Amino acid sequence: MQQNTDQDSARIQVRKLDSSGAGFQQQLSTLLAFEAETDDAIESAVATILADVKRRGDAAVLEYTNKFDRIPGGAASMAAFDIGQDELQQALAALPDAQRAALQVAAERIRVFHERQKQELNGFTYTEADGTVLGQRVTPLDRVGIYVPGGKAAYPSSVLMNAIPAQVAGVKEIVMVVPTPDGVKNRMVLAAAAIAGVTRVITIGGAQAVGALAYGTETIGAVDKIVGPGNAYVAAAKRRVFGTVGIDMIAGPSEILVLCDGSTDPDWVAMDLFSQAEHDELAQAILLCPDAEYIARVEASIHKLLPTMPRRATIATSMSDRGALVKVRDMDEACAIANHIAAEHLEISAAEPQQWADQIRHAGAMFLGRFSSESLGDYCCGPNHVLPTSRTARFSSPLGVYDFQKRSSVLFVSEAGAQTLGKVAAELAYGEGLQAHARSAELRLQAGVGNDDSTPS
C-alpha cells in the first residue's frame, strides 16, 4: 500500500507560473479554458427520454427508473417512489445524535442567513403628483423542484442549501427528487429533507425526473423552477427544459482560488486546494502568492499530504491537469488576477484580508482570513454553497431566496396622468409604426372620460 501512495505522490506535477514571465496571460487563459464537451450520445438519449416522459408521463418515468436505478423486483406503480413525511421523520430520529445535531445546526444557520435576503412581498410603491401610482410587487414561486444526487454521491447539505431558501421565500410546494440506485435510500438525505421542510420526496432521478418536474405527469405536478446539481444527463436535461421551467444554473467543475500573503500554515493551504480537487478530475485549484519561498513550502505540503488522502488519485489528476501555483508581484496584482478568474470559491488567506477583499469584484463566495476554510461554507456557515462556476461569477450570483421570488410591475395611471403620458406614448408608438398602440393611448386624451377610478391604497 505504501508503494501505491508513493506512486500517487510522485505522479502529481502542479504547474508553476510567474505573472512577470513572458507569455503569462496566454498561460493563464489556457489554464482557465474549460468548455463542457457536448456528448452527442448523452444529448440524444436525454432528448429521447424527455420526449417520452412528455408523451407517456408516469409510464415512461416508471420504466426508466426501474431500468436505470435497478429497482429490486421493479416498482409496479409510481406510488412506490413516494416517501411520506412519517418516513422522513423516522430517518431524522434514527440518525446518530452527532449527525442529527450537525444537520440541525447547519439548517438553522442557513435559515438565519437567507431570512436576511427575503424581499418583502408588498414591494414598493410611489405616488406621483397627478395621482399615478407606480410600484413593484414581489411574489414567491408556487412550486419548485429540487434535484438531489443519489447513490454514491449523496449530499444532504445540498438538500438544505436548495430547500431552505425556497421555504424562506414562501414557496408553497417543494418537490424533491432523488434517485435510489438498487433501492437504497440515504438516511441523511431524507433527514435533511425533514429538517428543511420539503413538501414531497420522490425517489426518481436522471433525465426522466427532470422531465417529470418540467412537464408534469399523472401523479407529479409540473413545477415552475428546477434547482440542484446532477450528472451529465441531468445537466443536459435541465438545459433542454429551460424555458418551459426556470433553472438555477448549469454548473461546471468545482473551483477554488486562494490568495495568500505567505503567513498561513502551508499545510492549511494545501488541504484547502485538495478540498475542491477531490470533487473530480476536472476541478480547479489555484494559489496566488507573492512569496516564492512560501509557494515552495505549499508545494512540499502537497506532496507530503497527498498520500494521506483517500481520493488522492482524483486530487492528483485535478492538480496536475488544471491546478497551478502562481507567483505574483504583490497582493494587489493577485486581486486583479482574481477578478479576471472570477472563481467559484475565493479564499483570501492573509493577515488583513479585508483590505484585499475591498478590491474584489468577481467571486461566487469570498472566504476572508486564515480560519475561513471553504469547506465551512460548503456545510454550515450559512451562505449558499450553490455558486457560479467557469467565470460566470462576473455576471451571476449564488443561489438565494431571490431565485424563488419574482417581481411584477404595478401601474395605476390616473386620469390626469393619462393626459400627459398618453401624448408621450402616442408619439413614440407612431415613431415605431404601431398605430394601435398610439390610438389606445390617444383615446384617453380627453377630460372627463367618465371613469370613477380611485387611487389604490
Protein backbone atom coordinates (compact mmCIF):
# COMPACT_ATOMS: atom_id res chain seq x y z
CA MET A 1 0.00 0.00 0.00
CA GLN A 2 2.82 2.38 0.80
CA GLN A 3 4.29 1.80 -2.62
CA ASN A 4 1.00 2.82 -4.27
CA THR A 5 0.68 6.01 -2.23
CA ASP A 6 4.25 6.95 -3.06
CA GLN A 7 3.47 6.49 -6.73
CA ASP A 8 0.38 8.67 -6.41
CA SER A 9 2.51 11.37 -4.79
CA ALA A 10 5.22 11.10 -7.43
CA ARG A 11 2.73 11.48 -10.26
CA ILE A 12 1.45 14.91 -9.20
CA GLN A 13 3.09 17.69 -11.15
CA VAL A 14 1.49 21.03 -10.33
CA ARG A 15 2.31 23.70 -12.87
CA LYS A 16 4.08 26.78 -11.53
CA LEU A 17 3.54 30.14 -13.21
CA ASP A 18 5.03 33.59 -12.72
CA SER A 19 2.96 36.67 -13.53
CA SER A 20 6.10 38.57 -14.51
CA GLY A 21 7.14 35.92 -17.01
CA ALA A 22 6.75 36.17 -20.77
CA GLY A 23 3.51 34.68 -22.02
CA PHE A 24 1.81 34.63 -18.60
CA GLN A 25 -1.53 35.92 -19.88
CA GLN A 26 -1.70 33.20 -22.51
CA GLN A 27 -0.70 30.58 -19.95
CA LEU A 28 -3.45 31.80 -17.62
CA SER A 29 -6.03 31.78 -20.40
CA THR A 30 -5.08 28.22 -21.29
CA LEU A 31 -5.30 27.19 -17.65
CA LEU A 32 -8.77 28.69 -17.24
CA ALA A 33 -10.15 27.44 -20.54
CA PHE A 34 -12.88 24.94 -20.00
CA GLU A 35 -15.66 24.06 -22.36
CA ALA A 36 -18.01 21.32 -21.31
CA GLU A 37 -17.91 18.99 -24.25
CA THR A 38 -21.33 18.05 -25.52
CA ASP A 39 -21.57 14.28 -25.69
CA ASP A 40 -23.77 13.51 -28.68
CA ALA A 41 -24.80 10.17 -27.20
CA ILE A 42 -25.91 11.81 -23.94
CA GLU A 43 -27.76 14.60 -25.74
CA SER A 44 -29.55 12.09 -27.95
CA ALA A 45 -30.51 9.86 -25.02
CA VAL A 46 -31.77 12.81 -22.98
CA ALA A 47 -33.83 14.15 -25.88
CA THR A 48 -35.46 10.74 -26.29
CA ILE A 49 -36.19 10.37 -22.57
CA LEU A 50 -37.68 13.85 -22.25
CA ALA A 51 -39.91 13.38 -25.29
CA ASP A 52 -41.06 10.03 -23.94
CA VAL A 53 -41.85 11.45 -20.49
CA LYS A 54 -43.75 14.33 -22.09
CA ARG A 55 -45.78 11.87 -24.18
CA ARG A 56 -46.33 8.94 -21.81
CA GLY A 57 -45.99 10.57 -18.38
CA ASP A 58 -45.88 8.20 -15.40
CA ALA A 59 -45.47 5.09 -17.56
CA ALA A 60 -42.22 6.41 -19.02
CA VAL A 61 -40.87 7.60 -15.65
CA LEU A 62 -41.67 4.21 -14.10
CA GLU A 63 -39.99 2.33 -16.94
CA TYR A 64 -36.79 4.39 -16.94
CA THR A 65 -36.48 4.40 -13.15
CA ASN A 66 -36.84 0.63 -12.90
CA LYS A 67 -34.24 0.24 -15.65
CA PHE A 68 -31.61 2.82 -14.71
CA ASP A 69 -31.86 2.56 -10.92
CA ARG A 70 -32.16 -1.23 -10.92
CA ILE A 71 -35.13 -1.21 -8.55
CA PRO A 72 -35.31 -4.68 -6.96
CA GLY A 73 -38.27 -6.57 -8.36
CA GLY A 74 -39.30 -3.48 -10.33
CA ALA A 75 -41.78 -0.96 -8.96
CA ALA A 76 -45.33 -1.62 -10.11
CA SER A 77 -46.54 1.97 -9.86
CA MET A 78 -45.34 5.49 -9.18
CA ALA A 79 -46.73 5.22 -5.66
CA ALA A 80 -43.72 3.04 -4.82
CA PHE A 81 -41.42 6.04 -5.29
CA ASP A 82 -43.16 8.38 -2.86
CA ILE A 83 -41.67 8.84 0.60
CA GLY A 84 -44.14 10.11 3.19
CA GLN A 85 -43.46 12.67 5.88
CA ASP A 86 -43.55 9.92 8.52
CA GLU A 87 -40.63 8.14 6.86
CA LEU A 88 -38.67 11.40 6.67
CA GLN A 89 -39.17 11.98 10.38
CA GLN A 90 -38.18 8.39 11.12
CA ALA A 91 -34.96 8.87 9.17
CA LEU A 92 -34.22 12.00 11.20
CA ALA A 93 -34.90 10.24 14.51
CA ALA A 94 -32.72 7.27 13.52
CA LEU A 95 -29.61 9.36 12.88
CA PRO A 96 -26.79 9.25 15.42
CA ASP A 97 -27.11 12.20 17.79
CA ALA A 98 -24.00 13.92 16.43
CA GLN A 99 -25.19 13.74 12.81
CA ARG A 100 -28.67 14.96 13.67
CA ALA A 101 -27.31 17.85 15.70
CA ALA A 102 -24.91 18.82 12.89
CA LEU A 103 -27.74 18.89 10.34
CA GLN A 104 -29.92 20.96 12.66
CA VAL A 105 -27.18 23.49 13.40
CA ALA A 106 -26.35 23.83 9.70
CA ALA A 107 -30.02 24.23 8.79
CA GLU A 108 -30.59 26.93 11.39
CA ARG A 109 -27.54 28.90 10.25
CA ILE A 110 -28.60 28.60 6.60
CA ARG A 111 -32.11 29.74 7.50
CA VAL A 112 -30.91 32.75 9.52
CA PHE A 113 -28.67 33.91 6.69
CA HIS A 114 -31.32 33.53 4.00
CA GLU A 115 -34.00 35.25 6.05
CA ARG A 116 -31.96 38.42 5.53
CA GLN A 117 -32.27 38.07 1.75
CA LYS A 118 -36.05 37.95 1.71
CA GLN A 119 -37.74 40.78 -0.15
CA GLU A 120 -40.98 41.90 1.41
CA LEU A 121 -43.97 40.75 -0.62
CA ASN A 122 -45.57 44.19 -0.67
CA GLY A 123 -42.55 45.50 -2.59
CA PHE A 124 -42.74 49.25 -3.03
CA THR A 125 -44.99 51.94 -4.48
CA TYR A 126 -44.73 55.67 -5.01
CA THR A 127 -47.37 58.21 -5.99
CA GLU A 128 -46.76 60.96 -8.50
CA ALA A 129 -48.24 64.46 -8.23
CA ASP A 130 -51.11 63.67 -10.63
CA GLY A 131 -52.18 60.62 -8.65
CA THR A 132 -50.48 57.97 -10.79
CA VAL A 133 -49.18 55.15 -8.64
CA LEU A 134 -46.23 53.00 -9.74
CA GLY A 135 -44.61 50.16 -7.92
CA GLN A 136 -43.41 46.61 -7.71
CA ARG A 137 -44.93 43.55 -6.08
CA VAL A 138 -42.85 40.54 -5.04
CA THR A 139 -44.40 37.07 -5.03
CA PRO A 140 -42.93 33.60 -4.42
CA LEU A 141 -42.97 30.83 -6.99
CA ASP A 142 -45.79 28.34 -6.46
CA ARG A 143 -43.90 25.07 -6.92
CA VAL A 144 -40.22 24.24 -7.24
CA GLY A 145 -38.38 21.01 -7.90
CA ILE A 146 -35.13 20.15 -6.18
CA TYR A 147 -32.83 17.58 -7.72
CA VAL A 148 -30.57 15.77 -5.23
CA PRO A 149 -27.97 13.25 -6.44
CA GLY A 150 -28.32 9.74 -5.05
CA GLY A 151 -26.29 6.56 -4.79
CA LYS A 152 -22.59 7.04 -4.07
CA ALA A 153 -22.93 10.81 -4.45
CA ALA A 154 -25.38 11.72 -1.69
CA TYR A 155 -25.40 15.30 -0.46
CA PRO A 156 -27.66 16.17 2.48
CA SER A 157 -26.00 19.60 2.54
CA SER A 158 -27.41 20.27 -0.93
CA VAL A 159 -30.90 19.48 0.34
CA LEU A 160 -30.54 22.20 2.96
CA MET A 161 -28.96 24.72 0.59
CA ASN A 162 -31.67 24.31 -2.06
CA ALA A 163 -34.80 23.77 0.03
CA ILE A 164 -34.36 26.29 2.84
CA PRO A 165 -34.10 29.39 0.61
CA ALA A 166 -37.23 28.23 -1.22
CA GLN A 167 -39.08 27.80 2.05
CA VAL A 168 -37.92 31.20 3.31
CA ALA A 169 -39.11 32.75 0.03
CA GLY A 170 -42.61 31.45 0.69
CA VAL A 171 -42.77 28.68 -1.93
CA LYS A 172 -45.85 26.63 -1.14
CA GLU A 173 -44.70 23.29 -2.55
CA ILE A 174 -41.12 21.99 -2.64
CA VAL A 175 -40.81 18.69 -4.51
CA MET A 176 -37.54 16.81 -4.09
CA VAL A 177 -36.46 14.07 -6.48
CA VAL A 178 -33.60 11.78 -5.51
CA PRO A 179 -32.57 8.55 -7.24
CA THR A 180 -32.10 5.42 -5.13
CA PRO A 181 -29.96 3.01 -7.16
CA ASP A 182 -30.66 -0.61 -6.22
CA GLY A 183 -33.44 0.72 -4.00
CA VAL A 184 -31.01 2.03 -1.37
CA LYS A 185 -32.17 5.20 0.40
CA ASN A 186 -29.71 7.59 2.03
CA ARG A 187 -30.91 8.27 5.57
CA MET A 188 -29.11 11.62 5.94
CA VAL A 189 -30.65 12.93 2.73
CA LEU A 190 -34.13 12.01 3.95
CA ALA A 191 -33.41 13.52 7.37
CA ALA A 192 -32.23 16.75 5.72
CA ALA A 193 -35.49 16.87 3.76
CA ALA A 194 -37.42 16.60 7.03
CA ILE A 195 -35.45 19.45 8.59
CA ALA A 196 -35.65 21.66 5.51
CA GLY A 197 -39.42 21.40 5.18
CA VAL A 198 -39.55 19.59 1.84
CA THR A 199 -43.18 19.01 0.88
CA ARG A 200 -42.80 15.83 -1.15
CA VAL A 201 -39.95 13.39 -1.79
CA ILE A 202 -39.98 11.12 -4.85
CA THR A 203 -37.23 8.53 -5.38
CA ILE A 204 -36.66 9.08 -9.08
CA GLY A 205 -33.66 10.61 -10.81
CA GLY A 206 -31.93 11.25 -14.09
CA ALA A 207 -33.37 12.95 -17.15
CA GLN A 208 -36.75 11.28 -16.52
CA ALA A 209 -37.05 13.06 -13.16
CA VAL A 210 -36.22 16.42 -14.76
CA GLY A 211 -38.80 15.74 -17.46
CA ALA A 212 -41.46 14.80 -14.90
CA LEU A 213 -40.86 18.01 -12.96
CA ALA A 214 -40.82 20.17 -16.08
CA TYR A 215 -43.79 18.73 -17.96
CA GLY A 216 -45.80 17.11 -15.20
CA THR A 217 -47.27 13.60 -15.22
CA GLU A 218 -50.43 11.99 -13.93
CA THR A 219 -49.01 11.92 -10.40
CA ILE A 220 -46.41 14.70 -10.45
CA GLY A 221 -47.44 18.29 -10.95
CA ALA A 222 -45.27 20.48 -13.17
CA VAL A 223 -43.06 22.90 -11.24
CA ASP A 224 -42.06 26.46 -12.00
CA LYS A 225 -38.32 26.02 -11.48
CA ILE A 226 -35.80 23.17 -11.10
CA VAL A 227 -32.67 23.62 -8.98
CA GLY A 228 -29.92 21.37 -7.75
CA PRO A 229 -26.85 19.51 -9.05
CA GLY A 230 -26.72 16.32 -11.10
CA ASN A 231 -24.70 14.27 -13.54
CA ALA A 232 -24.22 14.92 -17.26
CA TYR A 233 -27.69 13.55 -18.09
CA VAL A 234 -29.33 15.80 -15.51
CA ALA A 235 -27.40 18.84 -16.73
CA ALA A 236 -28.35 18.12 -20.35
CA ALA A 237 -32.00 17.67 -19.35
CA LYS A 238 -32.07 20.94 -17.37
CA ARG A 239 -30.59 22.75 -20.34
CA ARG A 240 -33.30 21.34 -22.64
CA VAL A 241 -36.29 22.12 -20.41
CA PHE A 242 -35.17 25.69 -19.68
CA GLY A 243 -37.88 27.98 -20.97
CA THR A 244 -40.61 25.54 -20.06
CA VAL A 245 -39.41 25.96 -16.49
CA GLY A 246 -36.72 28.08 -14.86
CA ILE A 247 -33.45 26.55 -13.73
CA ASP A 248 -30.78 27.73 -11.33
CA MET A 249 -27.68 27.24 -13.47
CA ILE A 250 -25.67 24.71 -15.44
CA ALA A 251 -22.74 24.30 -13.08
CA GLY A 252 -19.25 23.47 -14.25
CA PRO A 253 -16.46 21.77 -12.28
CA SER A 254 -15.71 22.97 -8.73
CA GLU A 255 -13.13 25.74 -8.30
CA ILE A 256 -11.06 27.25 -5.54
CA LEU A 257 -8.70 30.23 -5.78
CA VAL A 258 -6.52 31.02 -2.78
CA LEU A 259 -4.89 34.44 -2.38
CA CYS A 260 -2.24 34.13 0.31
CA ASP A 261 0.30 36.61 1.66
CA GLY A 262 2.55 33.80 2.88
CA SER A 263 1.54 33.97 6.53
CA THR A 264 -0.73 30.90 6.67
CA ASP A 265 0.41 27.39 7.58
CA PRO A 266 1.23 25.85 4.17
CA ASP A 267 -0.46 22.58 5.20
CA TRP A 268 -3.72 24.50 5.60
CA VAL A 269 -3.49 25.98 2.12
CA ALA A 270 -2.55 22.64 0.55
CA MET A 271 -5.56 20.98 2.17
CA ASP A 272 -7.84 23.82 1.06
CA LEU A 273 -6.68 23.22 -2.52
CA PHE A 274 -7.37 19.50 -2.04
CA SER A 275 -10.88 20.25 -0.76
CA GLN A 276 -12.01 21.16 -4.26
CA ALA A 277 -9.60 18.98 -6.23
CA GLU A 278 -11.11 15.87 -4.61
CA HIS A 279 -14.52 16.56 -6.22
CA ASP A 280 -13.44 15.32 -9.63
CA GLU A 281 -10.59 15.32 -12.11
CA LEU A 282 -11.88 18.49 -13.81
CA ALA A 283 -11.99 20.56 -10.61
CA GLN A 284 -9.59 23.50 -10.43
CA ALA A 285 -7.41 24.65 -7.53
CA ILE A 286 -5.11 27.68 -7.89
CA LEU A 287 -2.86 29.55 -5.44
CA LEU A 288 -1.78 33.17 -5.98
CA CYS A 289 1.07 34.37 -3.74
CA PRO A 290 3.86 36.99 -3.95
CA ASP A 291 6.29 34.85 -1.89
CA ALA A 292 8.23 32.29 -3.96
CA GLU A 293 9.66 30.58 -0.88
CA TYR A 294 6.17 30.15 0.56
CA ILE A 295 4.91 28.66 -2.73
CA ALA A 296 7.70 26.09 -2.47
CA ARG A 297 6.53 25.22 1.06
CA VAL A 298 2.95 24.76 -0.16
CA GLU A 299 4.22 22.51 -2.93
CA ALA A 300 6.10 20.44 -0.35
CA SER A 301 2.91 20.19 1.72
CA ILE A 302 1.02 18.99 -1.35
CA HIS A 303 3.45 16.12 -1.86
CA LYS A 304 3.51 15.33 1.86
CA LEU A 305 -0.25 15.30 2.36
CA LEU A 306 -1.42 13.71 -0.88
CA PRO A 307 -0.64 10.11 0.18
CA THR A 308 -2.94 10.56 3.22
CA MET A 309 -5.97 11.35 1.04
CA PRO A 310 -8.44 8.55 0.23
CA ARG A 311 -9.24 10.35 -3.04
CA ARG A 312 -5.58 11.00 -3.83
CA ALA A 313 -5.83 9.76 -7.43
CA THR A 314 -8.60 12.25 -8.22
CA ILE A 315 -6.72 15.04 -6.43
CA ALA A 316 -3.50 14.24 -8.29
CA THR A 317 -5.22 14.36 -11.68
CA SER A 318 -7.07 17.58 -10.89
CA MET A 319 -3.98 19.34 -9.53
CA SER A 320 -1.77 18.14 -12.38
CA ASP A 321 -4.19 18.93 -15.21
CA ARG A 322 -5.94 22.11 -14.02
CA GLY A 323 -4.16 23.31 -10.87
CA ALA A 324 -1.44 25.95 -10.54
CA LEU A 325 0.83 27.67 -8.05
CA VAL A 326 1.24 31.25 -9.30
CA LYS A 327 3.92 33.70 -8.19
CA VAL A 328 2.57 37.25 -8.41
CA ARG A 329 4.30 40.61 -7.96
CA ASP A 330 2.22 41.60 -4.94
CA MET A 331 -1.22 41.14 -3.40
CA ASP A 332 -2.64 43.99 -5.46
CA GLU A 333 -1.82 42.07 -8.61
CA ALA A 334 -3.25 38.93 -7.02
CA CYS A 335 -6.57 40.76 -6.60
CA ALA A 336 -6.51 41.93 -10.22
CA ILE A 337 -5.91 38.38 -11.42
CA ALA A 338 -8.63 37.10 -9.08
CA ASN A 339 -11.12 39.48 -10.68
CA HIS A 340 -10.22 38.07 -14.07
CA ILE A 341 -10.58 34.46 -12.88
CA ALA A 342 -13.92 35.17 -11.11
CA ALA A 343 -13.67 31.93 -9.17
CA GLU A 344 -16.49 29.98 -7.57
CA HIS A 345 -14.71 29.96 -4.18
CA LEU A 346 -12.15 32.65 -3.31
CA GLU A 347 -10.11 32.39 -0.13
CA ILE A 348 -8.13 35.44 1.00
CA SER A 349 -5.77 33.84 3.48
CA ALA A 350 -3.93 36.88 4.77
CA ALA A 351 -3.19 38.82 7.93
CA GLU A 352 -5.54 41.66 6.91
CA PRO A 353 -7.98 40.09 4.45
CA GLN A 354 -10.49 42.94 4.34
CA GLN A 355 -8.13 45.35 2.59
CA TRP A 356 -7.79 42.85 -0.26
CA ALA A 357 -11.49 41.91 -0.24
CA ASP A 358 -12.29 45.55 -0.98
CA GLN A 359 -10.55 45.11 -4.33
CA ILE A 360 -12.53 42.02 -5.34
CA ARG A 361 -15.46 42.49 -7.71
CA HIS A 362 -15.97 38.99 -9.09
CA ALA A 363 -16.26 35.84 -6.96
CA GLY A 364 -19.01 33.38 -6.16
CA ALA A 365 -18.15 33.44 -2.45
CA MET A 366 -15.30 35.07 -0.55
CA PHE A 367 -13.72 33.43 2.49
CA LEU A 368 -11.77 36.00 4.48
CA GLY A 369 -8.95 35.17 6.87
CA ARG A 370 -6.92 32.10 7.70
CA PHE A 371 -9.69 30.33 9.61
CA SER A 372 -12.32 30.69 6.88
CA SER A 373 -11.82 27.43 5.05
CA GLU A 374 -14.00 26.87 2.00
CA SER A 375 -15.31 23.63 3.50
CA LEU A 376 -17.09 25.57 6.26
CA GLY A 377 -19.08 27.37 3.60
CA ASP A 378 -19.98 24.08 1.95
CA TYR A 379 -21.76 22.86 5.04
CA CYS A 380 -22.68 25.17 7.85
CA CYS A 381 -21.64 28.84 7.78
CA GLY A 382 -24.97 29.94 6.33
CA PRO A 383 -24.39 31.46 2.87
CA ASN A 384 -25.40 29.22 0.00
CA HIS A 385 -22.95 26.75 -1.49
CA VAL A 386 -24.67 26.72 -4.90
CA LEU A 387 -22.31 29.13 -6.67
CA PRO A 388 -21.49 30.30 -10.21
CA THR A 389 -18.57 28.50 -11.86
CA SER A 390 -16.49 28.79 -15.05
CA ARG A 391 -16.03 32.59 -14.68
CA THR A 392 -19.78 33.20 -14.58
CA ALA A 393 -19.37 35.00 -11.25
CA ARG A 394 -18.67 38.01 -13.47
CA PHE A 395 -22.42 38.25 -14.07
CA SER A 396 -24.28 35.80 -11.84
CA SER A 397 -24.79 35.16 -8.14
CA PRO A 398 -25.11 32.40 -5.54
CA LEU A 399 -28.46 30.65 -5.21
CA GLY A 400 -30.64 32.56 -2.79
CA VAL A 401 -34.13 33.49 -1.70
CA TYR A 402 -34.36 35.87 -4.68
CA ASP A 403 -34.20 32.85 -7.01
CA PHE A 404 -37.52 31.67 -5.60
CA GLN A 405 -39.27 35.04 -5.75
CA LYS A 406 -40.33 37.03 -8.77
CA ARG A 407 -41.33 40.64 -9.31
CA SER A 408 -44.38 42.12 -11.02
CA SER A 409 -44.62 45.76 -12.02
CA VAL A 410 -47.74 47.60 -10.80
CA LEU A 411 -49.17 50.61 -12.69
CA PHE A 412 -52.20 52.67 -11.73
CA VAL A 413 -52.45 55.62 -14.11
CA SER A 414 -54.75 58.40 -13.00
CA GLU A 415 -56.98 60.32 -15.45
CA ALA A 416 -54.67 63.31 -15.17
CA GLY A 417 -51.65 61.12 -15.66
CA ALA A 418 -53.13 59.61 -18.82
CA GLN A 419 -53.33 63.10 -20.40
CA THR A 420 -49.58 63.56 -20.07
CA LEU A 421 -48.35 60.02 -20.56
CA GLY A 422 -50.75 59.34 -23.44
CA LYS A 423 -49.16 62.05 -25.59
CA VAL A 424 -45.67 60.70 -24.90
CA ALA A 425 -46.70 57.11 -25.61
CA ALA A 426 -48.55 58.06 -28.82
CA GLU A 427 -45.57 59.98 -30.16
CA LEU A 428 -43.25 57.05 -29.55
CA ALA A 429 -45.74 54.49 -30.91
CA TYR A 430 -46.23 56.41 -34.17
CA GLY A 431 -42.46 56.56 -34.45
CA GLU A 432 -42.35 52.78 -34.24
CA GLY A 433 -45.19 52.36 -36.73
CA LEU A 434 -47.56 50.85 -34.17
CA GLN A 435 -50.78 52.77 -34.76
CA ALA A 436 -52.97 50.68 -32.45
CA HIS A 437 -50.61 51.41 -29.58
CA ALA A 438 -50.83 55.12 -30.35
CA ARG A 439 -54.61 55.16 -30.72
CA SER A 440 -55.03 53.18 -27.48
CA ALA A 441 -53.22 55.97 -25.66
CA GLU A 442 -54.94 58.78 -27.59
CA LEU A 443 -58.45 57.55 -26.85
CA ARG A 444 -57.84 58.52 -23.25
CA LEU A 445 -56.66 62.04 -24.12
CA GLN A 446 -59.87 63.76 -23.14
CA ALA A 447 -61.14 65.26 -19.98
CA GLY A 448 -63.96 63.62 -18.08
CA VAL A 449 -63.78 60.14 -19.64
CA GLY A 450 -66.39 59.06 -17.16
CA ASN A 451 -64.37 56.56 -15.22
CA ASP A 452 -64.51 56.87 -11.47
CA ASP A 453 -61.23 55.12 -10.67
CA SER A 454 -59.87 55.59 -7.23
CA THR A 455 -56.20 55.69 -6.43
CA PRO A 456 -55.24 52.32 -4.89
CA SER A 457 -54.22 52.42 -1.29
